[in-house]
Amino acid sequence: VQRLRTKIGQERIDTVRGFGYKLRG
């Protein structure tokens, strides 16, 4: 996920603590 963020934008994928990740719509 971190590698993907560096390529598509750190702000594009949010971390939801205790649950996982989500893509900003």
PDB file of all heavy atoms in Angstrom:
ATOM      1  N   VAL A   1       0.846  -1.199   0.000  1.00  0.00           N
ATOM      2  CA  VAL A   1       0.000   0.000   0.000  1.00  0.00           C
ATOM      3  C   VAL A   1       0.879   1.245   0.000  1.00  0.00           C
ATOM      4  O   VAL A   1       0.625   2.210  -0.732  1.00  0.00           O
ATOM      5  CB  VAL A   1      -0.965   0.005   1.201  1.00  0.00           C
ATOM      6  CG1 VAL A   1      -1.613   1.378   1.374  1.00  0.00           C
ATOM      7  CG2 VAL A   1      -2.055  -1.047   1.013  1.00  0.00           C
ATOM      8  N   GLN A   2       1.927   1.240   0.810  1.00  0.00           N
ATOM      9  CA  GLN A   2       2.814   2.393   0.861  1.00  0.00           C
ATOM     10  C   GLN A   2       3.529   2.605  -0.474  1.00  0.00           C
ATOM     11  O   GLN A   2       3.673   3.746  -0.945  1.00  0.00           O
ATOM     12  CB  GLN A   2       3.846   2.225   1.981  1.00  0.00           C
ATOM     13  CG  GLN A   2       4.748   3.427   2.184  1.00  0.00           C
ATOM     14  CD  GLN A   2       3.977   4.721   2.421  1.00  0.00           C
ATOM     15  OE1 GLN A   2       2.954   4.730   3.096  1.00  0.00           O
ATOM     16  NE2 GLN A   2       4.443   5.817   1.844  1.00  0.00           N
ATOM     17  N   ARG A   3       3.958   1.521  -1.110  1.00  0.00           N
ATOM     18  CA  ARG A   3       4.592   1.643  -2.430  1.00  0.00           C
ATOM     19  C   ARG A   3       3.605   2.196  -3.453  1.00  0.00           C
ATOM     20  O   ARG A   3       3.965   3.020  -4.300  1.00  0.00           O
ATOM     21  CB  ARG A   3       5.123   0.281  -2.889  1.00  0.00           C
ATOM     22  CG  ARG A   3       6.447  -0.110  -2.238  1.00  0.00           C
ATOM     23  CD  ARG A   3       6.840  -1.535  -2.519  1.00  0.00           C
ATOM     24  NE  ARG A   3       6.700  -1.896  -3.924  1.00  0.00           N
ATOM     25  CZ  ARG A   3       6.787  -3.144  -4.369  1.00  0.00           C
ATOM     26  NH1 ARG A   3       6.990  -4.140  -3.522  1.00  0.00           N
ATOM     27  NH2 ARG A   3       6.668  -3.412  -5.645  1.00  0.00           N
ATOM     28  N   LEU A   4       2.357   1.731  -3.374  1.00  0.00           N
ATOM     29  CA  LEU A   4       1.339   2.219  -4.298  1.00  0.00           C
ATOM     30  C   LEU A   4       1.068   3.698  -4.070  1.00  0.00           C
ATOM     31  O   LEU A   4       0.915   4.473  -5.030  1.00  0.00           O
ATOM     32  CB  LEU A   4       0.060   1.396  -4.125  1.00  0.00           C
ATOM     33  CG  LEU A   4      -1.110   1.729  -5.056  1.00  0.00           C
ATOM     34  CD1 LEU A   4      -0.713   1.538  -6.523  1.00  0.00           C
ATOM     35  CD2 LEU A   4      -2.319   0.854  -4.718  1.00  0.00           C
ATOM     36  N   ARG A   5       1.032   4.112  -2.814  1.00  0.00           N
ATOM     37  CA  ARG A   5       0.801   5.523  -2.506  1.00  0.00           C
ATOM     38  C   ARG A   5       1.866   6.420  -3.116  1.00  0.00           C
ATOM     39  O   ARG A   5       1.577   7.526  -3.584  1.00  0.00           O
ATOM     40  CB  ARG A   5       0.786   5.724  -0.988  1.00  0.00           C
ATOM     41  CG  ARG A   5      -0.522   5.381  -0.305  1.00  0.00           C
ATOM     42  CD  ARG A   5      -0.334   5.439   1.186  1.00  0.00           C
ATOM     43  NE  ARG A   5      -1.606   5.427   1.904  1.00  0.00           N
ATOM     44  CZ  ARG A   5      -1.732   5.052   3.173  1.00  0.00           C
ATOM     45  NH1 ARG A   5      -0.662   4.660   3.855  1.00  0.00           N
ATOM     46  NH2 ARG A   5      -2.909   5.096   3.762  1.00  0.00           N
ATOM     47  N   THR A   6       3.120   5.990  -3.083  1.00  0.00           N
ATOM     48  CA  THR A   6       4.190   6.831  -3.625  1.00  0.00           C
ATOM     49  C   THR A   6       4.023   7.044  -5.123  1.00  0.00           C
ATOM     50  O   THR A   6       4.544   8.018  -5.670  1.00  0.00           O
ATOM     51  CB  THR A   6       5.573   6.203  -3.357  1.00  0.00           C
ATOM     52  OG1 THR A   6       5.688   4.951  -4.056  1.00  0.00           O
ATOM     53  CG2 THR A   6       5.795   5.984  -1.873  1.00  0.00           C
ATOM     54  N   LYS A   7       3.273   6.158  -5.778  1.00  0.00           N
ATOM     55  CA  LYS A   7       3.108   6.255  -7.229  1.00  0.00           C
ATOM     56  C   LYS A   7       1.829   6.975  -7.641  1.00  0.00           C
ATOM     57  O   LYS A   7       1.812   7.657  -8.672  1.00  0.00           O
ATOM     58  CB  LYS A   7       3.155   4.852  -7.852  1.00  0.00           C
ATOM     59  CG  LYS A   7       4.495   4.151  -7.668  1.00  0.00           C
ATOM     60  CD  LYS A   7       4.521   2.794  -8.347  1.00  0.00           C
ATOM     61  CE  LYS A   7       5.889   2.134  -8.191  1.00  0.00           C
ATOM     62  NZ  LYS A   7       5.971   0.837  -8.903  1.00  0.00           N
ATOM     63  N   ILE A   8       0.768   6.812  -6.859  1.00  0.00           N
ATOM     64  CA  ILE A   8      -0.505   7.408  -7.268  1.00  0.00           C
ATOM     65  C   ILE A   8      -0.888   8.602  -6.401  1.00  0.00           C
ATOM     66  O   ILE A   8      -1.904   9.254  -6.666  1.00  0.00           O
ATOM     67  CB  ILE A   8      -1.653   6.370  -7.247  1.00  0.00           C
ATOM     68  CG1 ILE A   8      -1.961   5.923  -5.815  1.00  0.00           C
ATOM     69  CG2 ILE A   8      -1.317   5.176  -8.140  1.00  0.00           C
ATOM     70  CD1 ILE A   8      -3.219   5.071  -5.700  1.00  0.00           C
ATOM     71  N   GLY A   9      -0.088   8.892  -5.364  1.00  0.00           N
ATOM     72  CA  GLY A   9      -0.390  10.016  -4.486  1.00  0.00           C
ATOM     73  C   GLY A   9      -0.688   9.542  -3.080  1.00  0.00           C
ATOM     74  O   GLY A   9      -1.557   8.689  -2.879  1.00  0.00           O
ATOM     75  N   GLN A  10       0.035  10.087  -2.100  1.00  0.00           N
ATOM     76  CA  GLN A  10      -0.152   9.663  -0.717  1.00  0.00           C
ATOM     77  C   GLN A  10      -1.576   9.884  -0.238  1.00  0.00           C
ATOM     78  O   GLN A  10      -2.095   9.124   0.589  1.00  0.00           O
ATOM     79  CB  GLN A  10       0.832  10.442   0.187  1.00  0.00           C
ATOM     80  CG  GLN A  10       2.295  10.124  -0.039  1.00  0.00           C
ATOM     81  CD  GLN A  10       2.678   8.749   0.465  1.00  0.00           C
ATOM     82  OE1 GLN A  10       1.964   8.148   1.265  1.00  0.00           O
ATOM     83  NE2 GLN A  10       3.810   8.241   0.001  1.00  0.00           N
ATOM     84  N   GLU A  11      -2.219  10.925  -0.763  1.00  0.00           N
ATOM     85  CA  GLU A  11      -3.556  11.271  -0.288  1.00  0.00           C
ATOM     86  C   GLU A  11      -4.652  10.404  -0.896  1.00  0.00           C
ATOM     87  O   GLU A  11      -5.809  10.466  -0.465  1.00  0.00           O
ATOM     88  CB  GLU A  11      -3.839  12.747  -0.615  1.00  0.00           C
ATOM     89  CG  GLU A  11      -4.158  13.034  -2.084  1.00  0.00           C
ATOM     90  CD  GLU A  11      -2.971  12.887  -3.029  1.00  0.00           C
ATOM     91  OE1 GLU A  11      -1.831  12.833  -2.534  1.00  0.00           O
ATOM     92  OE2 GLU A  11      -3.185  12.822  -4.253  1.00  0.00           O
ATOM     93  N   ARG A  12      -4.320   9.593  -1.881  1.00  0.00           N
ATOM     94  CA  ARG A  12      -5.353   8.852  -2.607  1.00  0.00           C
ATOM     95  C   ARG A  12      -5.890   7.670  -1.806  1.00  0.00           C
ATOM     96  O   ARG A  12      -7.048   7.263  -1.971  1.00  0.00           O
ATOM     97  CB  ARG A  12      -4.771   8.375  -3.953  1.00  0.00           C
ATOM     98  CG  ARG A  12      -5.763   7.734  -4.905  1.00  0.00           C
ATOM     99  CD  ARG A  12      -6.932   8.598  -5.225  1.00  0.00           C
ATOM    100  NE  ARG A  12      -6.547   9.911  -5.731  1.00  0.00           N
ATOM    101  CZ  ARG A  12      -7.373  10.928  -5.785  1.00  0.00           C
ATOM    102  NH1 ARG A  12      -8.603  10.809  -5.331  1.00  0.00           N
ATOM    103  NH2 ARG A  12      -6.968  12.096  -6.253  1.00  0.00           N
ATOM    104  N   ILE A  13      -5.064   7.063  -0.935  1.00  0.00           N
ATOM    105  CA  ILE A  13      -5.497   5.915  -0.140  1.00  0.00           C
ATOM    106  C   ILE A  13      -5.451   6.292   1.335  1.00  0.00           C
ATOM    107  O   ILE A  13      -4.404   6.683   1.852  1.00  0.00           O
ATOM    108  CB  ILE A  13      -4.609   4.678  -0.392  1.00  0.00           C
ATOM    109  CG1 ILE A  13      -4.666   4.264  -1.867  1.00  0.00           C
ATOM    110  CG2 ILE A  13      -5.045   3.512   0.495  1.00  0.00           C
ATOM    111  CD1 ILE A  13      -3.721   3.142  -2.223  1.00  0.00           C
ATOM    112  N   ASP A  14      -6.586   6.179   2.001  1.00  0.00           N
ATOM    113  CA  ASP A  14      -6.676   6.500   3.422  1.00  0.00           C
ATOM    114  C   ASP A  14      -6.477   5.253   4.276  1.00  0.00           C
ATOM    115  O   ASP A  14      -6.927   4.155   3.917  1.00  0.00           O
ATOM    116  CB  ASP A  14      -8.056   7.085   3.759  1.00  0.00           C
ATOM    117  CG  ASP A  14      -8.232   8.493   3.216  1.00  0.00           C
ATOM    118  OD1 ASP A  14      -7.220   9.202   3.076  1.00  0.00           O
ATOM    119  OD2 ASP A  14      -9.387   8.877   2.943  1.00  0.00           O
ATOM    120  N   THR A  15      -5.810   5.438   5.412  1.00  0.00           N
ATOM    121  CA  THR A  15      -5.716   4.383   6.427  1.00  0.00           C
ATOM    122  C   THR A  15      -6.848   4.569   7.433  1.00  0.00           C
ATOM    123  O   THR A  15      -7.037   5.663   7.953  1.00  0.00           O
ATOM    124  CB  THR A  15      -4.371   4.454   7.174  1.00  0.00           C
ATOM    125  OG1 THR A  15      -3.307   4.283   6.233  1.00  0.00           O
ATOM    126  CG2 THR A  15      -4.278   3.367   8.230  1.00  0.00           C
ATOM    127  N   VAL A  16      -7.588   3.517   7.674  1.00  0.00           N
ATOM    128  CA  VAL A  16      -8.640   3.533   8.692  1.00  0.00           C
ATOM    129  C   VAL A  16      -8.155   2.639   9.826  1.00  0.00           C
ATOM    130  O   VAL A  16      -8.190   1.403   9.717  1.00  0.00           O
ATOM    131  CB  VAL A  16      -9.984   3.032   8.128  1.00  0.00           C
ATOM    132  CG1 VAL A  16     -11.075   3.104   9.205  1.00  0.00           C
ATOM    133  CG2 VAL A  16     -10.398   3.853   6.907  1.00  0.00           C
ATOM    134  N   ARG A  17      -7.646   3.242  10.863  1.00  0.00           N
ATOM    135  CA  ARG A  17      -6.977   2.505  11.927  1.00  0.00           C
ATOM    136  C   ARG A  17      -7.873   1.419  12.526  1.00  0.00           C
ATOM    137  O   ARG A  17      -9.032   1.661  12.850  1.00  0.00           O
ATOM    138  CB  ARG A  17      -6.529   3.461  13.041  1.00  0.00           C
ATOM    139  CG  ARG A  17      -5.432   4.417  12.599  1.00  0.00           C
ATOM    140  CD  ARG A  17      -4.869   5.191  13.781  1.00  0.00           C
ATOM    141  NE  ARG A  17      -3.831   6.118  13.338  1.00  0.00           N
ATOM    142  CZ  ARG A  17      -2.569   5.779  13.127  1.00  0.00           C
ATOM    143  NH1 ARG A  17      -2.200   4.535  13.293  1.00  0.00           N
ATOM    144  NH2 ARG A  17      -1.680   6.684  12.727  1.00  0.00           N
ATOM    145  N   GLY A  18      -7.283   0.250  12.631  1.00  0.00           N
ATOM    146  CA  GLY A  18      -8.001  -0.887  13.200  1.00  0.00           C
ATOM    147  C   GLY A  18      -8.862  -1.627  12.216  1.00  0.00           C
ATOM    148  O   GLY A  18      -9.419  -2.688  12.549  1.00  0.00           O
ATOM    149  N   PHE A  19      -8.997  -1.094  10.971  1.00  0.00           N
ATOM    150  CA  PHE A  19      -9.877  -1.735   9.996  1.00  0.00           C
ATOM    151  C   PHE A  19      -9.170  -2.052   8.672  1.00  0.00           C
ATOM    152  O   PHE A  19      -9.252  -3.164   8.169  1.00  0.00           O
ATOM    153  CB  PHE A  19     -11.101  -0.852   9.723  1.00  0.00           C
ATOM    154  CG  PHE A  19     -11.993  -0.709  10.914  1.00  0.00           C
ATOM    155  CD1 PHE A  19     -11.871   0.357  11.776  1.00  0.00           C
ATOM    156  CD2 PHE A  19     -12.962  -1.677  11.188  1.00  0.00           C
ATOM    157  CE1 PHE A  19     -12.675   0.498  12.885  1.00  0.00           C
ATOM    158  CE2 PHE A  19     -13.789  -1.550  12.295  1.00  0.00           C
ATOM    159  CZ  PHE A  19     -13.641  -0.468  13.156  1.00  0.00           C
ATOM    160  N   GLY A  20      -8.480  -1.071   8.085  1.00  0.00           N
ATOM    161  CA  GLY A  20      -7.844  -1.336   6.813  1.00  0.00           C
ATOM    162  C   GLY A  20      -7.587  -0.075   6.025  1.00  0.00           C
ATOM    163  O   GLY A  20      -7.215   0.969   6.581  1.00  0.00           O
ATOM    164  N   TYR A  21      -7.859  -0.127   4.743  1.00  0.00           N
ATOM    165  CA  TYR A  21      -7.582   0.994   3.837  1.00  0.00           C
ATOM    166  C   TYR A  21      -8.784   1.228   2.918  1.00  0.00           C
ATOM    167  O   TYR A  21      -9.590   0.314   2.670  1.00  0.00           O
ATOM    168  CB  TYR A  21      -6.372   0.703   2.955  1.00  0.00           C
ATOM    169  CG  TYR A  21      -5.089   0.459   3.712  1.00  0.00           C
ATOM    170  CD1 TYR A  21      -4.636  -0.832   3.953  1.00  0.00           C
ATOM    171  CD2 TYR A  21      -4.303   1.522   4.158  1.00  0.00           C
ATOM    172  CE1 TYR A  21      -3.456  -1.067   4.639  1.00  0.00           C
ATOM    173  CE2 TYR A  21      -3.113   1.294   4.828  1.00  0.00           C
ATOM    174  CZ  TYR A  21      -2.697  -0.003   5.067  1.00  0.00           C
ATOM    175  OH  TYR A  21      -1.515  -0.205   5.740  1.00  0.00           O
ATOM    176  N   LYS A  22      -8.871   2.458   2.398  1.00  0.00           N
ATOM    177  CA  LYS A  22      -9.903   2.736   1.405  1.00  0.00           C
ATOM    178  C   LYS A  22      -9.386   3.742   0.392  1.00  0.00           C
ATOM    179  O   LYS A  22      -8.547   4.601   0.697  1.00  0.00           O
ATOM    180  CB  LYS A  22     -11.181   3.258   2.062  1.00  0.00           C
ATOM    181  CG  LYS A  22     -11.050   4.641   2.711  1.00  0.00           C
ATOM    182  CD  LYS A  22     -12.381   5.109   3.281  1.00  0.00           C
ATOM    183  CE  LYS A  22     -12.260   6.486   3.927  1.00  0.00           C
ATOM    184  NZ  LYS A  22     -13.552   6.964   4.472  1.00  0.00           N
ATOM    185  N   LEU A  23      -9.866   3.610  -0.838  1.00  0.00           N
ATOM    186  CA  LEU A  23      -9.536   4.543  -1.902  1.00  0.00           C
ATOM    187  C   LEU A  23     -10.530   5.705  -1.854  1.00  0.00           C
ATOM    188  O   LEU A  23     -11.744   5.496  -1.798  1.00  0.00           O
ATOM    189  CB  LEU A  23      -9.621   3.848  -3.264  1.00  0.00           C
ATOM    190  CG  LEU A  23      -9.280   4.696  -4.486  1.00  0.00           C
ATOM    191  CD1 LEU A  23      -7.782   5.000  -4.541  1.00  0.00           C
ATOM    192  CD2 LEU A  23      -9.713   3.963  -5.766  1.00  0.00           C
ATOM    193  N   ARG A  24     -10.002   6.924  -1.894  1.00  0.00           N
ATOM    194  CA  ARG A  24     -10.883   8.075  -1.919  1.00  0.00           C
ATOM    195  C   ARG A  24     -11.651   8.136  -3.238  1.00  0.00           C
ATOM    196  O   ARG A  24     -11.057   8.056  -4.297  1.00  0.00           O
ATOM    197  CB  ARG A  24     -10.088   9.368  -1.745  1.00  0.00           C
ATOM    198  CG  ARG A  24      -9.505   9.552  -0.347  1.00  0.00           C
ATOM    199  CD  ARG A  24      -8.919  10.932  -0.178  1.00  0.00           C
ATOM    200  NE  ARG A  24      -8.317  11.105   1.148  1.00  0.00           N
ATOM    201  CZ  ARG A  24      -7.759  12.227   1.553  1.00  0.00           C
ATOM    202  NH1 ARG A  24      -7.730  13.287   0.764  1.00  0.00           N
ATOM    203  NH2 ARG A  24      -7.223  12.307   2.754  1.00  0.00           N
ATOM    204  N   GLY A  25     -12.955   8.271  -3.153  1.00  0.00           N
ATOM    205  CA  GLY A  25     -13.768   8.303  -4.350  1.00  0.00           C
ATOM    206  C   GLY A  25     -13.698   9.648  -5.063  1.00  0.00           C
ATOM    207  O   GLY A  25     -13.162  10.602  -4.554  1.00  0.00           O
TER     208      GLY A  25
END
